[in-house]
Amino acid sequence: MKYFFLSEGWAVSRVWASDGLWQITAWRRQPDIQQLNICLIENNELLWLYRVEDAILTVEVKPTTPVPVQNTIGQVVLKRLMTAEQVIERLGTAQAKCQLQNMQSVT
């Protein structure tokens, strides 16, 4: 598995694998990308941790709401996804917050 942090208010757009842009018809499925219940807080901004399958090499992300072109970035391409060890190292050096959702009681 690979990982990346994504600012709240941004979403995954296009995805690339080793053979190019992810083609749902060729793979016969969507890419496996999951937002985890862990986020970092940096400069009052929430950065959510995402997990992706190993086949994914590059992820394009875009803001979820339209933004003026002159004031902000329109899209970003993430080319260096993180390993689990890099995520743990990053969490150890940052202010981390854990969001627990859909918890089931443990008996």
Protein backbone atom coordinates (compact mmCIF):
# COMPACT_ATOMS: atom_id res chain seq x y z
CA MET A 1 0.00 0.00 0.00
CA LYS A 2 0.96 3.63 -0.55
CA TYR A 3 -0.25 6.75 1.21
CA PHE A 4 -0.63 10.50 0.84
CA PHE A 5 -2.04 13.42 2.82
CA LEU A 6 -4.70 15.60 1.22
CA SER A 7 -6.02 18.90 2.49
CA GLU A 8 -9.70 19.01 3.44
CA GLY A 9 -11.67 20.53 0.58
CA TRP A 10 -9.65 18.68 -2.07
CA ALA A 11 -10.56 15.44 -3.86
CA VAL A 12 -8.90 12.83 -6.07
CA SER A 13 -9.36 13.45 -9.78
CA ARG A 14 -7.32 11.35 -12.23
CA VAL A 15 -5.11 8.38 -11.34
CA TRP A 16 -2.15 6.83 -13.17
CA ALA A 17 -0.78 3.28 -13.04
CA SER A 18 2.38 1.90 -14.66
CA ASP A 19 0.68 1.65 -18.06
CA GLY A 20 -0.65 5.22 -17.99
CA LEU A 21 -3.90 6.90 -17.05
CA TRP A 22 -6.19 4.55 -15.07
CA GLN A 23 -8.75 3.05 -17.43
CA ILE A 24 -11.78 1.60 -15.67
CA THR A 25 -12.63 -0.48 -18.75
CA ALA A 26 -9.16 -2.05 -18.83
CA TRP A 27 -8.90 -2.67 -15.05
CA ARG A 28 -12.65 -3.45 -14.82
CA ARG A 29 -12.86 -1.52 -11.56
CA GLN A 30 -12.20 1.81 -9.91
CA PRO A 31 -8.76 2.34 -8.33
CA ASP A 32 -8.64 1.42 -4.64
CA ILE A 33 -8.31 4.79 -2.85
CA GLN A 34 -9.55 5.12 0.72
CA GLN A 35 -9.62 8.09 3.07
CA LEU A 36 -8.56 6.93 6.52
CA ASN A 37 -9.82 8.31 9.83
CA ILE A 38 -6.53 10.07 10.61
CA CYS A 39 -5.66 13.66 9.88
CA LEU A 40 -2.85 16.10 10.67
CA ILE A 41 -3.42 19.69 11.63
CA GLU A 42 -0.93 22.13 10.08
CA ASN A 43 -1.45 25.89 10.21
CA ASN A 44 -5.14 25.31 11.08
CA GLU A 45 -5.56 23.12 7.99
CA LEU A 46 -6.73 19.49 8.12
CA LEU A 47 -4.64 17.06 6.07
CA TRP A 48 -6.41 13.70 5.72
CA LEU A 49 -4.47 10.47 5.24
CA TYR A 50 -5.40 8.40 2.17
CA ARG A 51 -4.39 4.81 1.35
CA VAL A 52 -4.00 3.65 -2.27
CA GLU A 53 -3.17 0.32 -3.84
CA ASP A 54 0.37 -0.43 -5.00
CA ALA A 55 -0.55 -0.28 -8.70
CA ILE A 56 -1.15 3.47 -8.41
CA LEU A 57 1.86 5.61 -9.27
CA THR A 58 0.47 9.14 -9.52
CA VAL A 59 -2.65 10.90 -8.26
CA GLU A 60 -4.10 14.20 -9.46
CA VAL A 61 -6.09 16.18 -6.89
CA LYS A 62 -8.35 19.22 -7.29
CA PRO A 63 -10.32 21.50 -4.97
CA THR A 64 -13.91 20.38 -4.43
CA THR A 65 -15.30 23.88 -4.88
CA PRO A 66 -14.54 26.26 -7.77
CA VAL A 67 -11.85 28.77 -6.87
CA PRO A 68 -10.70 31.96 -8.62
CA VAL A 69 -7.76 31.09 -10.87
CA GLN A 70 -5.63 34.04 -9.78
CA ASN A 71 -5.93 33.27 -6.04
CA THR A 72 -5.12 29.59 -5.70
CA ILE A 73 -3.93 26.39 -7.34
CA GLY A 74 -6.37 24.62 -9.66
CA GLN A 75 -4.88 21.13 -9.49
CA VAL A 76 -1.90 19.24 -8.11
CA VAL A 77 -0.26 16.00 -9.28
CA LEU A 78 1.20 13.82 -6.51
CA LYS A 79 4.09 11.83 -7.94
CA ARG A 80 5.82 10.63 -4.78
CA LEU A 81 3.43 8.62 -2.67
CA MET A 82 4.51 7.66 0.86
CA THR A 83 5.31 4.31 2.42
CA ALA A 84 3.78 3.24 5.74
CA GLU A 85 7.11 3.98 7.46
CA GLN A 86 7.14 7.53 6.08
CA VAL A 87 3.57 8.09 7.30
CA ILE A 88 4.46 6.92 10.82
CA GLU A 89 7.51 9.18 10.83
CA ARG A 90 5.39 12.14 9.70
CA LEU A 91 2.72 11.44 12.32
CA GLY A 92 5.42 11.27 14.98
CA THR A 93 6.67 14.77 14.17
CA ALA A 94 3.31 16.51 13.73
CA GLN A 95 0.25 17.45 15.69
CA ALA A 96 -2.03 14.52 14.87
CA LYS A 97 -5.75 14.13 15.41
CA CYS A 98 -7.61 10.86 15.06
CA GLN A 99 -11.17 10.95 13.77
CA LEU A 100 -13.06 7.81 14.77
CA GLN A 101 -16.18 7.22 12.76
CA ASN A 102 -18.58 4.28 12.66
CA MET A 103 -17.12 2.78 15.80
CA GLN A 104 -18.57 -0.56 16.87
CA SER A 105 -18.65 -1.40 20.55
CA VAL A 106 -16.08 -3.94 21.63
CA THR A 107 -17.24 -6.60 24.07
